Amino acid sequence: MQGSRILLIVGGGIAAFKIPELIRMIRREGGSVVPVLTAAGAEFVTPLTLSSLAEAPCHTALFDLTRESEMGHIQLSRAADLVVVAPATADLLARMAAGLAGDLASTLLLATDKPVLAAPAMNVRMWQHPATQRNMDLLESDGVRFVGPDEGDMACGEYGPGRMAEPETILAAIRAAVARDRPLRLPPEAVVSLPQRVLTGRHVIVTSGPTHEPIDSVRYIANRSSGAQGSAIAAALRDLGARVSFVTGPAEVPPPEGVEVIPVETAREMREAVEDALPADAAVMAAAVADWHVVNARQGKIKKDGSGALPDLQFAENPDILAWISRLPQGRPGLVVGFAAETDHVLENATAKRARKGCDWILANDVSPATGIMGGTENAVTLISAEGAESWPRLSKAEVARRLAARLADALNARNNPAEDRT
């Protein structure tokens, strides 16, 4: 982070009390901070506190005549390497999504041409409100990155997701964003000190979406997977600097930008695409692959003949891509992650699946219809590894992806010799 310039927009929420410590952390690692304090934020922390810690003026007003004579808000919005919004309240996120520019903070966000990282913070009901989730989806599609929120006790006395991420977590996200967006401007000595959660030079294969196994020219076997979780995982890995090969079936959710997209339809095509993408440092098998295909799939449409006879369909098992890649004798990725979508005895079945397939980690989730997870925007997973089971709270699929990407980066960076160096 040495030499990085951070424009820090402080929104109005009790979590603003964590911002002074975040400023200290950024400066301790050699970054500079220019604070911008909203009117609501000033109810929780003072301009003097922020300016003293940043050793830079704390900006509060849009119509500062001295600076605005030189279009200061435009210069301020573009002089930074990264714009960080913390805490990003529901109101501030809504204004960002709507493109409003009624105060200094929202004007800077609208005028900037630099990457934006936001740390949401709000009451659990506000976070779960459909309007907030729509705003999050829109901002994410616009390229805004997010860190958090966490789940826990809140100042209002409620419990749930909505707490702003801790300063250490925000700092790690800042490091990753800076490393991704400024790799060519970092001095050589700074590369050595890049954080452990950077995946620069790593190659990760991600499979996603359903597969479609033809019955005839118009019908196929599939499942209800939207591809949302796989797409989010690919985006999170990309944001940490990884080169991502994204092998996707016919998903409802579009693939993220900035990754190599390899579209497939059937399980056999997916297996071939994964093999072609090797070698890789890690493989995340998030696709919901159909277990069987129809051997005698017909050309044209199968028609009813009025006799009541059922079509004679012959089934065969599809390749088990997770088991195959987990047990490769040569060229196996250093970390293989599978998914176990279950409807009953979730942990028991997922633990048995991990042992049977031979993967390193497996993420188990309950996809019973009542959960709304299959095809929904949230997920509740348990990460199962050789060390045991770790249950995560119910989170947005984007946040599950960020947590998984961070864990994967930690594991890979504990090792040396990236796959890119072995080719």
Protein backbone atom coordinates (compact mmCIF):
# COMPACT_ATOMS: atom_id res chain seq x y z
CA MET A 1 0.00 0.00 0.00
CA GLN A 2 3.07 2.19 0.07
CA GLY A 3 2.29 5.48 -1.68
CA SER A 4 -1.41 4.70 -2.24
CA ARG A 5 -3.78 7.65 -2.05
CA ILE A 6 -7.13 6.92 -0.40
CA LEU A 7 -10.12 9.27 -0.54
CA LEU A 8 -12.13 8.24 2.52
CA ILE A 9 -15.81 9.24 2.62
CA VAL A 10 -17.25 8.88 6.12
CA GLY A 11 -21.02 8.37 6.28
CA GLY A 12 -23.37 8.90 9.20
CA GLY A 13 -23.56 5.86 11.43
CA ILE A 14 -22.37 4.71 14.83
CA ALA A 15 -19.72 2.65 13.02
CA ALA A 16 -17.97 5.93 12.19
CA PHE A 17 -16.20 5.60 15.54
CA LYS A 18 -14.04 2.87 13.91
CA ILE A 19 -12.78 5.20 11.18
CA PRO A 20 -9.97 6.87 13.16
CA GLU A 21 -8.38 3.45 13.68
CA LEU A 22 -8.76 2.67 9.97
CA ILE A 23 -6.95 5.91 9.12
CA ARG A 24 -4.12 4.96 11.49
CA MET A 25 -3.82 1.54 9.84
CA ILE A 26 -3.70 2.94 6.31
CA ARG A 27 -1.03 5.47 7.23
CA ARG A 28 0.95 2.88 9.16
CA GLU A 29 1.29 0.92 5.89
CA GLY A 30 2.47 3.96 3.95
CA GLY A 31 -0.82 5.10 2.43
CA SER A 32 -2.17 8.63 2.55
CA VAL A 33 -5.76 9.54 3.44
CA VAL A 34 -7.90 12.51 2.43
CA PRO A 35 -11.05 12.43 4.61
CA VAL A 36 -14.47 13.63 3.49
CA LEU A 37 -17.06 13.88 6.25
CA THR A 38 -20.80 13.98 5.54
CA ALA A 39 -23.12 16.11 7.66
CA ALA A 40 -24.54 12.95 9.24
CA GLY A 41 -21.05 11.57 9.81
CA ALA A 42 -20.14 14.73 11.73
CA GLU A 43 -22.69 13.69 14.36
CA PHE A 44 -20.41 10.78 15.29
CA VAL A 45 -16.86 11.94 14.63
CA THR A 46 -15.39 15.42 14.27
CA PRO A 47 -13.54 16.94 11.31
CA LEU A 48 -10.67 17.82 13.65
CA THR A 49 -10.21 14.17 14.67
CA LEU A 50 -10.06 12.97 11.07
CA SER A 51 -7.81 15.76 9.83
CA SER A 52 -5.42 15.33 12.75
CA LEU A 53 -5.03 11.60 12.16
CA ALA A 54 -4.80 11.94 8.38
CA GLU A 55 -2.58 15.02 8.59
CA ALA A 56 -4.69 16.41 5.76
CA PRO A 57 -7.70 18.74 5.60
CA CYS A 58 -11.06 17.11 6.29
CA HIS A 59 -13.48 18.20 3.56
CA THR A 60 -17.11 18.75 4.51
CA ALA A 61 -18.69 21.32 2.19
CA LEU A 62 -19.38 21.20 -1.53
CA PHE A 63 -19.48 24.96 -1.94
CA ASP A 64 -16.09 25.90 -0.59
CA LEU A 65 -15.55 29.02 -2.71
CA THR A 66 -11.76 28.91 -2.47
CA ARG A 67 -11.50 25.38 -3.76
CA GLU A 68 -14.52 25.47 -6.07
CA SER A 69 -13.00 28.35 -8.03
CA GLU A 70 -10.67 25.62 -9.31
CA MET A 71 -13.36 22.91 -9.47
CA GLY A 72 -11.88 21.36 -6.33
CA HIS A 73 -14.47 18.61 -6.07
CA ILE A 74 -13.47 17.30 -9.51
CA GLN A 75 -9.78 17.31 -8.62
CA LEU A 76 -10.47 15.70 -5.26
CA SER A 77 -12.49 12.89 -6.87
CA ARG A 78 -9.73 11.97 -9.30
CA ALA A 79 -6.52 12.52 -7.38
CA ALA A 80 -6.94 9.33 -5.32
CA ASP A 81 -6.05 5.78 -6.28
CA LEU A 82 -9.12 4.42 -4.49
CA VAL A 83 -12.33 5.90 -3.05
CA VAL A 84 -13.47 4.22 0.17
CA VAL A 85 -16.94 4.79 1.64
CA ALA A 86 -17.13 3.76 5.30
CA PRO A 87 -19.56 3.54 6.87
CA ALA A 88 -21.75 3.29 3.77
CA THR A 89 -25.21 3.84 5.20
CA ALA A 90 -28.45 2.80 3.51
CA ASP A 91 -29.08 6.42 2.59
CA LEU A 92 -25.61 6.92 1.13
CA LEU A 93 -25.85 3.68 -0.88
CA ALA A 94 -29.26 4.77 -2.19
CA ARG A 95 -27.85 8.12 -3.31
CA MET A 96 -24.91 6.39 -4.96
CA ALA A 97 -27.25 4.04 -6.82
CA ALA A 98 -29.48 6.92 -7.95
CA GLY A 99 -26.53 9.04 -9.09
CA LEU A 100 -27.48 12.00 -6.91
CA ALA A 101 -25.06 14.85 -6.30
CA GLY A 102 -26.58 17.00 -3.57
CA ASP A 103 -23.60 17.19 -1.25
CA LEU A 104 -19.83 16.84 -1.39
CA ALA A 105 -19.73 13.06 -0.78
CA SER A 106 -22.29 12.13 -3.45
CA THR A 107 -20.80 14.63 -5.92
CA LEU A 108 -17.35 13.11 -5.47
CA LEU A 109 -18.73 9.62 -6.02
CA LEU A 110 -20.49 10.71 -9.19
CA ALA A 111 -17.46 12.60 -10.53
CA THR A 112 -14.77 10.03 -9.78
CA ASP A 113 -13.16 7.86 -12.42
CA LYS A 114 -11.39 5.73 -9.81
CA PRO A 115 -12.49 2.41 -8.24
CA VAL A 116 -14.89 2.63 -5.31
CA LEU A 117 -14.92 0.32 -2.27
CA ALA A 118 -17.87 0.57 0.13
CA ALA A 119 -18.29 -0.87 3.65
CA PRO A 120 -22.06 -1.05 4.30
CA ALA A 121 -23.34 -0.40 7.82
CA MET A 122 -26.96 -0.23 8.92
CA ASN A 123 -29.74 -1.86 10.92
CA VAL A 124 -30.43 -5.48 10.00
CA ARG A 125 -33.94 -4.71 8.69
CA MET A 126 -32.59 -1.87 6.57
CA TRP A 127 -29.91 -4.20 5.18
CA GLN A 128 -32.46 -6.90 4.36
CA HIS A 129 -34.96 -4.49 2.80
CA PRO A 130 -35.50 -5.19 -0.91
CA ALA A 131 -34.66 -1.57 -1.77
CA THR A 132 -31.22 -1.86 -0.18
CA GLN A 133 -30.56 -5.17 -1.90
CA ARG A 134 -31.62 -3.68 -5.24
CA ASN A 135 -29.25 -0.78 -4.67
CA MET A 136 -26.43 -3.20 -3.82
CA ASP A 137 -27.04 -5.22 -6.98
CA LEU A 138 -27.11 -2.06 -9.11
CA LEU A 139 -23.94 -0.66 -7.56
CA GLU A 140 -22.16 -4.00 -7.93
CA SER A 141 -23.12 -4.09 -11.62
CA ASP A 142 -21.68 -0.55 -11.90
CA GLY A 143 -18.37 -1.84 -10.59
CA VAL A 144 -18.54 -0.77 -6.94
CA ARG A 145 -16.82 -3.28 -4.65
CA PHE A 146 -18.01 -4.13 -1.17
CA VAL A 147 -16.51 -5.37 2.06
CA GLY A 148 -18.98 -6.67 4.65
CA PRO A 149 -21.32 -6.20 6.29
CA ASP A 150 -20.72 -8.55 9.20
CA GLU A 151 -23.30 -10.22 11.42
CA GLY A 152 -23.53 -9.46 15.11
CA ASP A 153 -24.97 -7.28 17.87
CA MET A 154 -25.94 -3.77 16.85
CA ALA A 155 -26.13 -0.47 18.69
CA CYS A 156 -29.92 -0.53 18.24
CA GLY A 157 -30.11 -3.76 20.26
CA GLU A 158 -30.88 -6.06 17.32
CA TYR A 159 -28.74 -8.87 15.97
CA GLY A 160 -28.00 -9.84 12.40
CA PRO A 161 -26.15 -8.78 9.25
CA GLY A 162 -25.53 -5.06 8.94
CA ARG A 163 -22.50 -4.34 11.13
CA MET A 164 -19.71 -2.56 9.32
CA ALA A 165 -16.69 -4.78 8.71
CA GLU A 166 -13.88 -4.34 11.19
CA PRO A 167 -11.04 -1.97 10.26
CA GLU A 168 -8.66 -4.90 9.74
CA THR A 169 -11.05 -6.43 7.18
CA ILE A 170 -11.56 -3.12 5.40
CA LEU A 171 -7.80 -2.63 5.30
CA ALA A 172 -7.35 -6.05 3.65
CA ALA A 173 -9.97 -5.11 1.03
CA ILE A 174 -8.18 -1.81 0.41
CA ARG A 175 -4.89 -3.64 -0.05
CA ALA A 176 -6.47 -6.04 -2.54
CA ALA A 177 -8.15 -3.22 -4.49
CA VAL A 178 -4.94 -1.22 -4.68
CA ALA A 179 -2.96 -4.28 -5.75
CA ARG A 180 -5.46 -5.02 -8.51
CA ASP A 181 -5.79 -1.51 -9.88
CA ARG A 182 -2.25 -0.23 -9.49
CA PRO A 183 0.01 -3.20 -10.23
CA LEU A 184 2.15 -1.32 -12.75
CA ARG A 185 2.59 1.74 -10.53
CA LEU A 186 3.72 -0.08 -7.43
CA PRO A 187 7.44 0.30 -6.80
CA PRO A 188 9.37 -3.02 -6.91
CA GLU A 189 9.98 -2.97 -3.16
CA ALA A 190 6.24 -2.71 -2.52
CA VAL A 191 5.53 -5.97 -4.34
CA VAL A 192 7.31 -7.89 -1.61
CA SER A 193 5.01 -6.42 1.02
CA LEU A 194 1.73 -7.10 -0.78
CA PRO A 195 -0.87 -8.65 1.56
CA GLN A 196 -1.42 -12.35 1.90
CA ARG A 197 -4.89 -11.98 0.39
CA VAL A 198 -3.63 -11.02 -3.05
CA LEU A 199 -3.92 -13.62 -5.79
CA THR A 200 -1.79 -11.91 -8.40
CA GLY A 201 -0.10 -14.59 -10.51
CA ARG A 202 -2.57 -17.28 -9.44
CA HIS A 203 -4.89 -19.12 -11.82
CA VAL A 204 -8.25 -20.36 -10.56
CA ILE A 205 -10.85 -22.40 -12.45
CA VAL A 206 -14.46 -21.77 -11.43
CA THR A 207 -17.40 -23.81 -12.73
CA SER A 208 -20.88 -22.36 -12.47
CA GLY A 209 -24.51 -22.67 -13.45
CA PRO A 210 -26.51 -25.74 -14.41
CA THR A 211 -25.79 -28.12 -17.25
CA HIS A 212 -28.46 -28.92 -19.84
CA GLU A 213 -28.64 -32.53 -20.95
CA PRO A 214 -30.75 -32.83 -24.13
CA ILE A 215 -33.73 -35.17 -24.33
CA ASP A 216 -34.65 -33.97 -27.79
CA SER A 217 -34.16 -30.74 -29.73
CA VAL A 218 -36.43 -28.72 -27.39
CA ARG A 219 -36.29 -30.50 -24.02
CA TYR A 220 -33.47 -31.11 -21.57
CA ILE A 221 -32.62 -32.28 -18.04
CA ALA A 222 -31.45 -29.51 -15.70
CA ASN A 223 -31.95 -28.08 -12.24
CA ARG A 224 -32.91 -24.74 -10.69
CA SER A 225 -29.41 -23.29 -10.33
CA SER A 226 -29.19 -19.63 -11.43
CA GLY A 227 -25.40 -19.50 -11.48
CA ALA A 228 -25.42 -16.52 -9.08
CA GLN A 229 -23.05 -18.05 -6.53
CA GLY A 230 -20.51 -19.20 -9.09
CA SER A 231 -20.54 -15.82 -10.82
CA ALA A 232 -20.02 -14.06 -7.50
CA ILE A 233 -17.08 -16.35 -6.65
CA ALA A 234 -15.41 -15.64 -9.99
CA ALA A 235 -15.83 -11.88 -9.42
CA ALA A 236 -14.42 -12.07 -5.89
CA LEU A 237 -11.36 -14.02 -7.06
CA ARG A 238 -10.87 -11.54 -9.89
CA ASP A 239 -11.01 -8.68 -7.38
CA LEU A 240 -8.14 -10.28 -5.48
CA GLY A 241 -6.04 -10.35 -8.64
CA ALA A 242 -6.48 -13.95 -9.79
CA ARG A 243 -6.67 -15.00 -13.42
CA VAL A 244 -10.02 -16.75 -13.55
CA SER A 245 -11.17 -19.34 -16.09
CA PHE A 246 -14.95 -19.27 -15.72
CA VAL A 247 -16.56 -22.41 -17.13
CA THR A 248 -20.29 -21.81 -17.09
CA GLY A 249 -23.37 -23.69 -18.15
CA PRO A 250 -26.52 -21.88 -19.39
CA ALA A 251 -26.94 -19.69 -16.29
CA GLU A 252 -29.54 -17.00 -15.64
CA VAL A 253 -26.94 -14.67 -14.12
CA PRO A 254 -24.47 -13.14 -16.59
CA PRO A 255 -20.77 -13.86 -16.09
CA PRO A 256 -18.64 -11.15 -14.45
CA GLU A 257 -16.38 -8.93 -16.48
CA GLY A 258 -12.64 -9.36 -16.35
CA VAL A 259 -12.59 -13.17 -16.41
CA GLU A 260 -12.10 -15.73 -19.19
CA VAL A 261 -15.61 -16.98 -19.94
CA ILE A 262 -15.90 -20.51 -21.35
CA PRO A 263 -19.57 -21.30 -22.12
CA VAL A 264 -20.69 -24.93 -22.19
CA GLU A 265 -24.00 -26.74 -22.21
CA THR A 266 -23.53 -30.34 -21.08
CA ALA A 267 -21.58 -32.01 -18.29
CA ARG A 268 -19.28 -33.67 -20.82
CA GLU A 269 -18.48 -30.30 -22.39
CA MET A 270 -17.80 -28.86 -18.93
CA ARG A 271 -15.42 -31.70 -18.11
CA GLU A 272 -13.47 -31.08 -21.34
CA ALA A 273 -13.36 -27.31 -20.74
CA VAL A 274 -11.99 -27.76 -17.22
CA GLU A 275 -9.30 -30.12 -18.49
CA ASP A 276 -8.33 -27.64 -21.22
CA ALA A 277 -8.04 -24.85 -18.60
CA LEU A 278 -5.48 -26.75 -16.50
CA PRO A 279 -2.98 -26.23 -14.91
CA ALA A 280 -4.46 -24.13 -12.13
CA ASP A 281 -3.61 -23.24 -8.55
CA ALA A 282 -7.18 -23.87 -7.39
CA ALA A 283 -10.50 -25.09 -8.72
CA VAL A 284 -13.87 -24.08 -7.30
CA MET A 285 -16.52 -26.48 -8.57
CA ALA A 286 -19.68 -24.44 -7.99
CA ALA A 287 -21.65 -25.75 -10.99
CA ALA A 288 -24.77 -27.81 -10.42
CA VAL A 289 -23.94 -30.60 -12.85
CA ALA A 290 -26.69 -32.97 -13.95
CA ASP A 291 -25.97 -36.51 -12.75
CA TRP A 292 -27.26 -38.23 -15.90
CA HIS A 293 -27.62 -37.64 -19.60
CA VAL A 294 -29.90 -39.27 -22.18
CA VAL A 295 -27.94 -41.67 -24.35
CA ASN A 296 -30.58 -41.80 -27.08
CA ALA A 297 -31.43 -38.09 -27.24
CA ARG A 298 -33.55 -37.43 -30.32
CA GLN A 299 -33.14 -34.99 -33.15
CA GLY A 300 -36.32 -32.99 -33.47
CA LYS A 301 -39.17 -33.00 -30.94
CA ILE A 302 -40.54 -36.21 -29.44
CA LYS A 303 -44.27 -36.25 -30.17
CA LYS A 304 -47.06 -37.98 -28.29
CA ASP A 305 -48.76 -40.54 -30.55
CA GLY A 306 -51.99 -40.83 -28.58
CA SER A 307 -51.26 -44.38 -27.38
CA GLY A 308 -50.23 -43.31 -23.88
CA ALA A 309 -46.83 -44.98 -24.35
CA LEU A 310 -43.90 -43.23 -22.70
CA PRO A 311 -40.77 -42.44 -24.70
CA ASP A 312 -38.00 -44.97 -24.34
CA LEU A 313 -35.23 -42.88 -22.77
CA GLN A 314 -31.93 -44.55 -21.87
CA PHE A 315 -29.80 -42.84 -19.23
CA ALA A 316 -26.10 -42.92 -18.46
CA GLU A 317 -24.07 -41.27 -15.71
CA ASN A 318 -22.33 -38.01 -16.47
CA PRO A 319 -18.63 -37.59 -15.67
CA ASP A 320 -18.03 -36.71 -12.02
CA ILE A 321 -15.96 -33.57 -12.58
CA LEU A 322 -15.28 -32.90 -8.90
CA ALA A 323 -14.04 -36.44 -8.21
CA TRP A 324 -12.01 -36.49 -11.42
CA ILE A 325 -10.12 -33.26 -10.76
CA SER A 326 -9.65 -34.08 -7.06
CA ARG A 327 -7.92 -37.37 -7.91
CA LEU A 328 -5.80 -36.34 -10.87
CA PRO A 329 -2.49 -38.20 -10.59
CA GLN A 330 -0.67 -35.27 -12.21
CA GLY A 331 -1.66 -31.62 -12.56
CA ARG A 332 -4.14 -31.61 -9.69
CA PRO A 333 -4.82 -28.04 -8.50
CA GLY A 334 -3.31 -27.33 -5.11
CA LEU A 335 -6.76 -26.59 -3.67
CA VAL A 336 -10.01 -28.14 -4.89
CA VAL A 337 -13.31 -26.82 -3.53
CA GLY A 338 -16.65 -28.50 -4.08
CA PHE A 339 -20.26 -27.71 -3.23
CA ALA A 340 -22.86 -29.96 -1.67
CA ALA A 341 -26.42 -28.77 -2.26
CA GLU A 342 -28.53 -30.93 0.08
CA THR A 343 -32.13 -31.07 1.23
CA ASP A 344 -31.73 -33.29 4.30
CA HIS A 345 -28.94 -34.38 6.69
CA VAL A 346 -26.89 -31.56 5.16
CA LEU A 347 -23.67 -31.81 7.18
CA GLU A 348 -23.65 -35.60 7.28
CA ASN A 349 -24.16 -35.92 3.51
CA ALA A 350 -21.69 -33.14 2.69
CA THR A 351 -18.98 -34.60 4.92
CA ALA A 352 -19.42 -37.98 3.27
CA LYS A 353 -19.33 -36.33 -0.17
CA ARG A 354 -16.02 -34.60 0.60
CA ALA A 355 -14.44 -37.93 1.56
CA ARG A 356 -15.93 -39.70 -1.44
CA LYS A 357 -14.86 -37.08 -3.97
CA GLY A 358 -11.42 -36.38 -2.53
CA CYS A 359 -11.68 -32.57 -2.57
CA ASP A 360 -9.96 -30.36 0.02
CA TRP A 361 -12.95 -28.25 1.02
CA ILE A 362 -16.65 -28.57 0.43
CA LEU A 363 -19.28 -25.90 1.00
CA ALA A 364 -22.52 -27.44 2.21
CA ASN A 365 -25.84 -25.67 1.93
CA ASP A 366 -29.47 -26.52 2.47
CA VAL A 367 -31.39 -25.98 -0.78
CA SER A 368 -34.78 -27.14 0.47
CA PRO A 369 -37.53 -25.06 -1.20
CA ALA A 370 -38.35 -23.30 2.08
CA THR A 371 -34.84 -21.81 2.30
CA GLY A 372 -35.15 -19.85 -0.95
CA ILE A 373 -31.43 -20.39 -1.57
CA MET A 374 -31.63 -22.21 -4.91
CA GLY A 375 -32.08 -19.35 -7.38
CA GLY A 376 -32.13 -16.73 -4.60
CA THR A 377 -29.77 -13.89 -3.65
CA GLU A 378 -28.56 -15.28 -0.31
CA ASN A 379 -26.78 -18.39 0.87
CA ALA A 380 -26.00 -20.08 4.17
CA VAL A 381 -23.02 -22.41 3.93
CA THR A 382 -20.83 -24.57 6.12
CA LEU A 383 -17.21 -24.92 5.03
CA ILE A 384 -16.07 -28.50 5.65
CA SER A 385 -12.37 -29.35 5.55
CA ALA A 386 -9.98 -31.81 7.15
CA GLU A 387 -9.94 -29.52 10.19
CA GLY A 388 -13.70 -29.73 10.73
CA ALA A 389 -16.85 -27.76 9.91
CA GLU A 390 -17.23 -23.99 10.05
CA SER A 391 -20.74 -22.60 9.70
CA TRP A 392 -21.16 -19.14 8.19
CA PRO A 393 -24.24 -16.98 8.80
CA ARG A 394 -26.79 -16.42 6.08
CA LEU A 395 -25.24 -13.81 3.80
CA SER A 396 -25.63 -12.41 0.33
CA LYS A 397 -24.06 -14.65 -2.27
CA ALA A 398 -21.60 -11.86 -3.03
CA GLU A 399 -20.43 -11.83 0.59
CA VAL A 400 -20.16 -15.64 0.70
CA ALA A 401 -17.99 -15.35 -2.40
CA ARG A 402 -15.76 -12.71 -0.81
CA ARG A 403 -15.29 -14.81 2.31
CA LEU A 404 -14.44 -17.88 0.27
CA ALA A 405 -12.02 -15.94 -1.94
CA ALA A 406 -10.23 -14.56 1.12
CA ARG A 407 -9.91 -18.02 2.66
CA LEU A 408 -8.68 -19.46 -0.62
CA ALA A 409 -6.11 -16.68 -0.95
CA ASP A 410 -4.84 -17.29 2.57
CA ALA A 411 -4.43 -21.00 1.82
CA LEU A 412 -2.71 -20.51 -1.52
CA ASN A 413 -0.36 -17.82 -0.31
CA ALA A 414 0.82 -20.11 2.49
CA ARG A 415 2.39 -22.08 -0.37
CA ASN A 416 4.82 -21.13 -3.12
CA ASN A 417 5.26 -21.96 -6.79
CA PRO A 418 2.08 -20.67 -8.50
CA ALA A 419 0.72 -22.66 -11.43
CA GLU A 420 1.59 -19.75 -13.75
CA ASP A 421 5.27 -20.45 -13.00
CA ARG A 422 4.93 -24.17 -13.71
CA THR A 423 3.76 -23.81 -17.31
